[in-house]
Amino acid sequence: MQIVSMTAEHVSRLAELEKLCFSEPWSEKSLTEEIDNPAACFLVAMQQDEVLGYGGMHTVLGESYVDNIAVFPEFRGHGVGRTLMAALIEKARENGGVFITLEVRTSNLPAIAMYRSLGFTEAGVRRNFYTEPREDALIFTLLNF
């Protein structure tokens, strides 16, 4: 598996992945806009020419916010999400990041376990953060990385 920076050639496949994973998916246009955004870091997990998943993060003044981590269903459970998250943590470190934060559905137990295993700690709850279905989000942060 290779982790590469997102390019225009990845966007249509990532928009498909967004529709599979999220009730409010990012569009091709939204993804494309992040390619040249200096505050954005969007990484794609590849195996040969196949997209396995991706992760996106924004960093401003040392504060990094993970927008999305998404893996195609057939590749879940094989370390793709963990590899993407580790790469985003490294990018935040390289960019002088002070902390990383993210939200995750309270029902997404595999993701919660992964974030905890990477050193993230629960910082709070955002009530009714998600729609379709309506659900709370757990806020996780990573300090001193």
N, C-alpha and C. Protein backbone atom coordinates (compact mmCIF):
# COMPACT_ATOMS: atom_id res chain seq x y z
N MET A 1 0.84 -1.18 0.00
CA MET A 1 0.00 0.00 0.00
C MET A 1 0.89 1.24 0.00
N GLN A 2 0.49 2.21 -0.81
CA GLN A 2 1.20 3.49 -0.87
C GLN A 2 0.24 4.59 -0.45
N ILE A 3 0.77 5.61 0.22
CA ILE A 3 -0.01 6.79 0.57
C ILE A 3 0.53 7.93 -0.29
N VAL A 4 -0.36 8.53 -1.07
CA VAL A 4 0.02 9.61 -1.98
C VAL A 4 -0.89 10.81 -1.74
N SER A 5 -0.44 11.97 -2.16
CA SER A 5 -1.27 13.17 -2.09
C SER A 5 -2.40 13.06 -3.10
N MET A 6 -3.57 13.53 -2.72
CA MET A 6 -4.71 13.52 -3.62
C MET A 6 -4.44 14.42 -4.82
N THR A 7 -4.79 13.92 -6.00
CA THR A 7 -4.70 14.69 -7.23
C THR A 7 -6.05 14.65 -7.94
N ALA A 8 -6.15 15.40 -9.01
CA ALA A 8 -7.40 15.45 -9.79
C ALA A 8 -7.80 14.07 -10.30
N GLU A 9 -6.83 13.21 -10.56
CA GLU A 9 -7.17 11.87 -11.07
C GLU A 9 -7.86 10.99 -10.04
N HIS A 10 -7.75 11.34 -8.75
CA HIS A 10 -8.40 10.56 -7.69
C HIS A 10 -9.83 11.01 -7.40
N VAL A 11 -10.17 12.23 -7.77
CA VAL A 11 -11.37 12.88 -7.28
C VAL A 11 -12.66 12.13 -7.59
N SER A 12 -12.85 11.64 -8.79
CA SER A 12 -14.12 10.98 -9.11
C SER A 12 -14.30 9.71 -8.28
N ARG A 13 -13.25 8.97 -8.08
CA ARG A 13 -13.33 7.73 -7.28
C ARG A 13 -13.58 8.08 -5.80
N LEU A 14 -12.96 9.14 -5.32
CA LEU A 14 -13.17 9.54 -3.92
C LEU A 14 -14.58 10.07 -3.70
N ALA A 15 -15.15 10.73 -4.70
CA ALA A 15 -16.54 11.19 -4.60
C ALA A 15 -17.48 9.98 -4.51
N GLU A 16 -17.17 8.91 -5.22
CA GLU A 16 -17.95 7.67 -5.11
C GLU A 16 -17.85 7.11 -3.69
N LEU A 17 -16.64 7.11 -3.14
CA LEU A 17 -16.42 6.62 -1.79
C LEU A 17 -17.19 7.47 -0.78
N GLU A 18 -17.18 8.76 -0.95
CA GLU A 18 -17.94 9.66 -0.08
C GLU A 18 -19.41 9.27 -0.05
N LYS A 19 -19.98 8.99 -1.20
CA LYS A 19 -21.40 8.62 -1.28
C LYS A 19 -21.68 7.29 -0.57
N LEU A 20 -20.71 6.39 -0.59
CA LEU A 20 -20.86 5.11 0.10
C LEU A 20 -20.79 5.25 1.62
N CYS A 21 -20.00 6.21 2.08
CA CYS A 21 -19.68 6.27 3.51
C CYS A 21 -20.44 7.33 4.32
N PHE A 22 -20.87 8.39 3.67
CA PHE A 22 -21.38 9.52 4.43
C PHE A 22 -22.76 9.97 3.94
N SER A 23 -23.61 10.38 4.89
CA SER A 23 -24.95 10.85 4.54
C SER A 23 -24.91 12.23 3.89
N GLU A 24 -23.85 12.98 4.12
CA GLU A 24 -23.66 14.28 3.48
C GLU A 24 -22.29 14.27 2.80
N PRO A 25 -22.19 13.58 1.66
CA PRO A 25 -20.88 13.40 1.00
C PRO A 25 -20.33 14.68 0.38
N TRP A 26 -19.01 14.74 0.36
CA TRP A 26 -18.34 15.82 -0.35
C TRP A 26 -18.50 15.56 -1.85
N SER A 27 -18.67 16.61 -2.60
CA SER A 27 -18.82 16.51 -4.05
C SER A 27 -17.45 16.49 -4.72
N GLU A 28 -17.44 16.15 -6.00
CA GLU A 28 -16.19 16.22 -6.76
C GLU A 28 -15.64 17.64 -6.73
N LYS A 29 -16.52 18.63 -6.84
CA LYS A 29 -16.09 20.03 -6.82
C LYS A 29 -15.41 20.36 -5.48
N SER A 30 -16.03 19.94 -4.38
CA SER A 30 -15.46 20.22 -3.06
C SER A 30 -14.10 19.55 -2.88
N LEU A 31 -14.00 18.32 -3.32
CA LEU A 31 -12.72 17.61 -3.23
C LEU A 31 -11.66 18.30 -4.09
N THR A 32 -12.04 18.67 -5.30
CA THR A 32 -11.10 19.32 -6.21
C THR A 32 -10.56 20.62 -5.62
N GLU A 33 -11.42 21.36 -4.94
CA GLU A 33 -10.99 22.63 -4.34
C GLU A 33 -9.91 22.44 -3.29
N GLU A 34 -9.83 21.27 -2.68
CA GLU A 34 -8.84 21.02 -1.64
C GLU A 34 -7.45 20.73 -2.19
N ILE A 35 -7.35 20.40 -3.46
CA ILE A 35 -6.05 20.04 -4.05
C ILE A 35 -5.05 21.19 -3.92
N ASP A 36 -5.50 22.41 -4.16
CA ASP A 36 -4.61 23.57 -4.12
C ASP A 36 -4.77 24.40 -2.85
N ASN A 37 -5.50 23.91 -1.87
CA ASN A 37 -5.71 24.63 -0.63
C ASN A 37 -4.47 24.44 0.26
N PRO A 38 -3.74 25.52 0.55
CA PRO A 38 -2.51 25.37 1.33
C PRO A 38 -2.74 24.88 2.77
N ALA A 39 -3.95 25.01 3.29
CA ALA A 39 -4.24 24.54 4.65
C ALA A 39 -4.68 23.07 4.66
N ALA A 40 -4.89 22.49 3.48
CA ALA A 40 -5.43 21.13 3.39
C ALA A 40 -4.34 20.10 3.13
N CYS A 41 -4.60 18.92 3.66
CA CYS A 41 -3.76 17.75 3.39
C CYS A 41 -4.70 16.58 3.16
N PHE A 42 -4.84 16.18 1.91
CA PHE A 42 -5.70 15.06 1.56
C PHE A 42 -4.83 13.96 0.96
N LEU A 43 -4.87 12.79 1.60
CA LEU A 43 -4.01 11.67 1.23
C LEU A 43 -4.86 10.51 0.75
N VAL A 44 -4.32 9.75 -0.20
CA VAL A 44 -5.04 8.62 -0.78
C VAL A 44 -4.21 7.35 -0.58
N ALA A 45 -4.88 6.29 -0.12
CA ALA A 45 -4.24 4.99 -0.01
C ALA A 45 -4.46 4.24 -1.32
N MET A 46 -3.36 3.79 -1.92
CA MET A 46 -3.41 3.13 -3.22
C MET A 46 -2.75 1.76 -3.14
N GLN A 47 -3.24 0.84 -3.94
CA GLN A 47 -2.56 -0.43 -4.17
C GLN A 47 -2.52 -0.59 -5.67
N GLN A 48 -1.33 -0.49 -6.23
CA GLN A 48 -1.14 -0.38 -7.67
C GLN A 48 -1.97 0.80 -8.17
N ASP A 49 -2.94 0.59 -9.03
CA ASP A 49 -3.76 1.71 -9.54
C ASP A 49 -5.12 1.79 -8.87
N GLU A 50 -5.32 1.06 -7.79
CA GLU A 50 -6.63 1.01 -7.15
C GLU A 50 -6.66 1.88 -5.89
N VAL A 51 -7.70 2.72 -5.80
CA VAL A 51 -7.91 3.55 -4.61
C VAL A 51 -8.55 2.68 -3.53
N LEU A 52 -7.91 2.64 -2.35
CA LEU A 52 -8.42 1.88 -1.22
C LEU A 52 -9.23 2.76 -0.27
N GLY A 53 -8.79 4.01 -0.14
CA GLY A 53 -9.44 4.94 0.77
C GLY A 53 -8.70 6.26 0.77
N TYR A 54 -9.17 7.16 1.62
CA TYR A 54 -8.50 8.46 1.71
C TYR A 54 -8.78 9.10 3.06
N GLY A 55 -7.97 10.11 3.37
CA GLY A 55 -8.16 10.91 4.56
C GLY A 55 -7.85 12.35 4.26
N GLY A 56 -8.59 13.25 4.88
CA GLY A 56 -8.37 14.68 4.65
C GLY A 56 -8.31 15.43 5.96
N MET A 57 -7.46 16.45 5.99
CA MET A 57 -7.23 17.22 7.20
C MET A 57 -6.90 18.66 6.82
N HIS A 58 -7.28 19.59 7.67
CA HIS A 58 -6.90 21.00 7.52
C HIS A 58 -6.09 21.40 8.75
N THR A 59 -5.05 22.19 8.53
CA THR A 59 -4.24 22.69 9.63
C THR A 59 -4.13 24.21 9.51
N VAL A 60 -4.49 24.88 10.59
CA VAL A 60 -4.41 26.34 10.66
C VAL A 60 -3.80 26.70 12.01
N LEU A 61 -2.72 27.45 11.99
CA LEU A 61 -2.05 27.90 13.21
C LEU A 61 -1.78 26.76 14.19
N GLY A 62 -1.33 25.63 13.65
CA GLY A 62 -0.95 24.50 14.47
C GLY A 62 -2.10 23.60 14.90
N GLU A 63 -3.33 23.99 14.58
CA GLU A 63 -4.48 23.18 14.94
C GLU A 63 -4.94 22.38 13.73
N SER A 64 -4.92 21.07 13.84
CA SER A 64 -5.30 20.19 12.73
C SER A 64 -6.67 19.58 13.00
N TYR A 65 -7.50 19.59 11.98
CA TYR A 65 -8.85 19.03 12.07
C TYR A 65 -9.00 17.98 10.97
N VAL A 66 -9.27 16.74 11.37
CA VAL A 66 -9.47 15.67 10.40
C VAL A 66 -10.91 15.75 9.90
N ASP A 67 -11.04 16.00 8.61
CA ASP A 67 -12.36 16.12 7.99
C ASP A 67 -12.98 14.74 7.77
N ASN A 68 -12.24 13.86 7.13
CA ASN A 68 -12.77 12.55 6.77
C ASN A 68 -11.67 11.50 6.71
N ILE A 69 -12.03 10.32 7.10
CA ILE A 69 -11.26 9.11 6.82
C ILE A 69 -12.29 8.15 6.24
N ALA A 70 -12.03 7.64 5.06
CA ALA A 70 -13.00 6.73 4.42
C ALA A 70 -12.24 5.63 3.68
N VAL A 71 -12.75 4.41 3.82
CA VAL A 71 -12.13 3.25 3.18
C VAL A 71 -13.24 2.47 2.48
N PHE A 72 -12.98 2.05 1.25
CA PHE A 72 -13.96 1.23 0.54
C PHE A 72 -14.23 -0.03 1.37
N PRO A 73 -15.51 -0.44 1.44
CA PRO A 73 -15.88 -1.56 2.30
C PRO A 73 -15.04 -2.82 2.11
N GLU A 74 -14.68 -3.14 0.88
CA GLU A 74 -13.93 -4.37 0.64
C GLU A 74 -12.50 -4.32 1.17
N PHE A 75 -12.03 -3.13 1.56
CA PHE A 75 -10.66 -2.99 2.07
C PHE A 75 -10.61 -2.69 3.57
N ARG A 76 -11.77 -2.62 4.21
CA ARG A 76 -11.80 -2.35 5.65
C ARG A 76 -11.26 -3.54 6.42
N GLY A 77 -10.68 -3.25 7.58
CA GLY A 77 -10.16 -4.30 8.44
C GLY A 77 -8.77 -4.77 8.04
N HIS A 78 -8.13 -4.03 7.12
CA HIS A 78 -6.80 -4.42 6.66
C HIS A 78 -5.75 -3.33 6.95
N GLY A 79 -6.08 -2.41 7.84
CA GLY A 79 -5.12 -1.39 8.24
C GLY A 79 -5.05 -0.16 7.36
N VAL A 80 -5.96 -0.04 6.41
CA VAL A 80 -5.93 1.13 5.51
C VAL A 80 -6.22 2.41 6.29
N GLY A 81 -7.29 2.41 7.10
CA GLY A 81 -7.62 3.59 7.89
C GLY A 81 -6.51 3.97 8.85
N ARG A 82 -5.93 2.99 9.50
CA ARG A 82 -4.83 3.24 10.44
C ARG A 82 -3.62 3.84 9.71
N THR A 83 -3.30 3.31 8.54
CA THR A 83 -2.17 3.82 7.77
C THR A 83 -2.42 5.26 7.33
N LEU A 84 -3.63 5.54 6.88
CA LEU A 84 -3.98 6.91 6.50
C LEU A 84 -3.89 7.85 7.71
N MET A 85 -4.43 7.42 8.84
CA MET A 85 -4.41 8.26 10.03
C MET A 85 -2.98 8.52 10.49
N ALA A 86 -2.14 7.50 10.46
CA ALA A 86 -0.73 7.68 10.84
C ALA A 86 -0.04 8.67 9.90
N ALA A 87 -0.37 8.61 8.63
CA ALA A 87 0.23 9.55 7.66
C ALA A 87 -0.26 10.97 7.92
N LEU A 88 -1.54 11.13 8.27
CA LEU A 88 -2.05 12.47 8.60
C LEU A 88 -1.39 13.01 9.87
N ILE A 89 -1.19 12.16 10.86
CA ILE A 89 -0.50 12.58 12.08
C ILE A 89 0.91 13.05 11.75
N GLU A 90 1.60 12.31 10.90
CA GLU A 90 2.95 12.71 10.50
C GLU A 90 2.95 14.04 9.75
N LYS A 91 1.98 14.24 8.87
CA LYS A 91 1.87 15.52 8.14
C LYS A 91 1.61 16.67 9.11
N ALA A 92 0.74 16.45 10.10
CA ALA A 92 0.48 17.49 11.09
C ALA A 92 1.76 17.83 11.86
N ARG A 93 2.51 16.80 12.21
CA ARG A 93 3.79 16.99 12.91
C ARG A 93 4.75 17.82 12.04
N GLU A 94 4.87 17.45 10.78
CA GLU A 94 5.76 18.17 9.85
C GLU A 94 5.35 19.63 9.69
N ASN A 95 4.05 19.91 9.81
CA ASN A 95 3.54 21.27 9.63
C ASN A 95 3.45 22.04 10.94
N GLY A 96 4.11 21.54 11.98
CA GLY A 96 4.14 22.24 13.26
C GLY A 96 2.85 22.14 14.04
N GLY A 97 2.12 21.07 13.84
CA GLY A 97 0.85 20.89 14.53
C GLY A 97 1.00 20.80 16.04
N VAL A 98 0.06 21.40 16.75
CA VAL A 98 0.04 21.38 18.20
C VAL A 98 -0.93 20.31 18.69
N PHE A 99 -2.07 20.19 18.03
CA PHE A 99 -3.01 19.12 18.35
C PHE A 99 -3.84 18.79 17.12
N ILE A 100 -4.45 17.61 17.17
CA ILE A 100 -5.34 17.14 16.11
C ILE A 100 -6.68 16.84 16.76
N THR A 101 -7.74 17.22 16.09
CA THR A 101 -9.07 16.92 16.59
C THR A 101 -9.92 16.32 15.47
N LEU A 102 -10.94 15.58 15.87
CA LEU A 102 -11.86 14.97 14.91
C LEU A 102 -13.14 14.58 15.62
N GLU A 103 -14.18 14.35 14.84
CA GLU A 103 -15.43 13.81 15.36
C GLU A 103 -15.67 12.45 14.74
N VAL A 104 -16.37 11.60 15.49
CA VAL A 104 -16.72 10.27 15.01
C VAL A 104 -18.09 9.91 15.58
N ARG A 105 -18.90 9.23 14.77
CA ARG A 105 -20.20 8.78 15.25
C ARG A 105 -20.02 7.88 16.47
N THR A 106 -20.91 8.02 17.44
CA THR A 106 -20.81 7.19 18.64
C THR A 106 -20.98 5.71 18.32
N SER A 107 -21.62 5.39 17.21
CA SER A 107 -21.82 3.99 16.83
C SER A 107 -20.66 3.39 16.04
N ASN A 108 -19.68 4.21 15.65
CA ASN A 108 -18.58 3.72 14.81
C ASN A 108 -17.48 3.14 15.70
N LEU A 109 -17.78 1.99 16.27
CA LEU A 109 -16.86 1.37 17.24
C LEU A 109 -15.49 1.01 16.66
N PRO A 110 -15.40 0.51 15.41
CA PRO A 110 -14.05 0.24 14.87
C PRO A 110 -13.19 1.50 14.78
N ALA A 111 -13.78 2.61 14.34
CA ALA A 111 -13.02 3.86 14.25
C ALA A 111 -12.63 4.36 15.63
N ILE A 112 -13.54 4.29 16.57
CA ILE A 112 -13.24 4.73 17.94
C ILE A 112 -12.07 3.93 18.51
N ALA A 113 -12.10 2.63 18.31
CA ALA A 113 -10.99 1.78 18.80
C ALA A 113 -9.68 2.16 18.12
N MET A 114 -9.72 2.43 16.82
CA MET A 114 -8.50 2.82 16.11
C MET A 114 -7.96 4.14 16.65
N TYR A 115 -8.83 5.14 16.81
CA TYR A 115 -8.36 6.44 17.31
C TYR A 115 -7.75 6.30 18.70
N ARG A 116 -8.39 5.55 19.56
CA ARG A 116 -7.84 5.34 20.91
C ARG A 116 -6.48 4.65 20.85
N SER A 117 -6.35 3.66 19.97
CA SER A 117 -5.08 2.94 19.87
C SER A 117 -3.96 3.83 19.33
N LEU A 118 -4.31 4.90 18.63
CA LEU A 118 -3.32 5.84 18.11
C LEU A 118 -3.01 6.96 19.10
N GLY A 119 -3.63 6.91 20.27
CA GLY A 119 -3.34 7.89 21.31
C GLY A 119 -4.34 9.01 21.45
N PHE A 120 -5.41 9.00 20.65
CA PHE A 120 -6.44 10.02 20.78
C PHE A 120 -7.22 9.79 22.07
N THR A 121 -7.66 10.88 22.69
CA THR A 121 -8.49 10.79 23.88
C THR A 121 -9.80 11.53 23.64
N GLU A 122 -10.84 11.05 24.31
CA GLU A 122 -12.15 11.65 24.14
C GLU A 122 -12.17 13.00 24.86
N ALA A 123 -12.63 14.04 24.13
CA ALA A 123 -12.63 15.38 24.69
C ALA A 123 -14.04 15.93 24.91
N GLY A 124 -15.04 15.24 24.40
CA GLY A 124 -16.39 15.73 24.57
C GLY A 124 -17.36 15.08 23.61
N VAL A 125 -18.57 15.60 23.61
CA VAL A 125 -19.64 15.09 22.76
C VAL A 125 -20.31 16.26 22.07
N ARG A 126 -20.60 16.10 20.79
CA ARG A 126 -21.42 17.06 20.05
C ARG A 126 -22.78 16.40 19.86
N ARG A 127 -23.77 16.89 20.56
CA ARG A 127 -25.12 16.31 20.50
C ARG A 127 -25.73 16.53 19.12
N ASN A 128 -26.32 15.46 18.59
CA ASN A 128 -27.03 15.52 17.30
C ASN A 128 -26.19 16.11 16.18
N PHE A 129 -24.90 15.84 16.19
CA PHE A 129 -23.97 16.38 15.19
C PHE A 129 -24.25 15.81 13.80
N TYR A 130 -24.57 14.53 13.75
CA TYR A 130 -24.80 13.86 12.47
C TYR A 130 -26.29 13.77 12.17
N THR A 131 -26.60 13.75 10.87
CA THR A 131 -27.96 13.53 10.41
C THR A 131 -27.98 12.28 9.55
N GLU A 132 -29.17 11.76 9.35
CA GLU A 132 -29.37 10.59 8.47
C GLU A 132 -28.44 9.43 8.77
N PRO A 133 -28.51 8.78 9.86
CA PRO A 133 -29.41 9.03 10.97
C PRO A 133 -28.83 10.05 11.94
N ARG A 134 -29.74 10.68 12.69
CA ARG A 134 -29.30 11.65 13.71
C ARG A 134 -28.53 10.89 14.78
N GLU A 135 -27.37 11.42 15.12
CA GLU A 135 -26.51 10.74 16.09
C GLU A 135 -25.52 11.73 16.68
N ASP A 136 -25.12 11.47 17.91
CA ASP A 136 -24.10 12.27 18.56
C ASP A 136 -22.73 11.95 17.97
N ALA A 137 -21.82 12.88 18.12
CA ALA A 137 -20.43 12.67 17.73
C ALA A 137 -19.55 12.74 18.97
N LEU A 138 -18.60 11.84 19.04
CA LEU A 138 -17.56 11.94 20.06
C LEU A 138 -16.45 12.81 19.48
N ILE A 139 -15.93 13.71 20.27
CA ILE A 139 -14.80 14.55 19.87
C ILE A 139 -13.54 13.90 20.44
N PHE A 140 -12.58 13.65 19.57
CA PHE A 140 -11.31 13.08 20.00
C PHE A 140 -10.20 14.07 19.69
N THR A 141 -9.19 14.11 20.55
CA THR A 141 -8.02 14.95 20.31
C THR A 141 -6.75 14.14 20.54
N LEU A 142 -5.71 14.59 19.86
CA LEU A 142 -4.38 14.02 20.04
C LEU A 142 -3.43 15.16 20.32
N LEU A 143 -2.76 15.09 21.47
CA LEU A 143 -1.80 16.09 21.88
C LEU A 143 -0.42 15.47 21.94
N ASN A 144 0.60 16.30 21.89
CA ASN A 144 1.98 15.83 22.08
C ASN A 144 2.34 14.69 21.15
N PHE A 145 2.10 14.87 19.88
CA PHE A 145 2.40 13.82 18.91
C PHE A 145 3.70 14.06 18.19
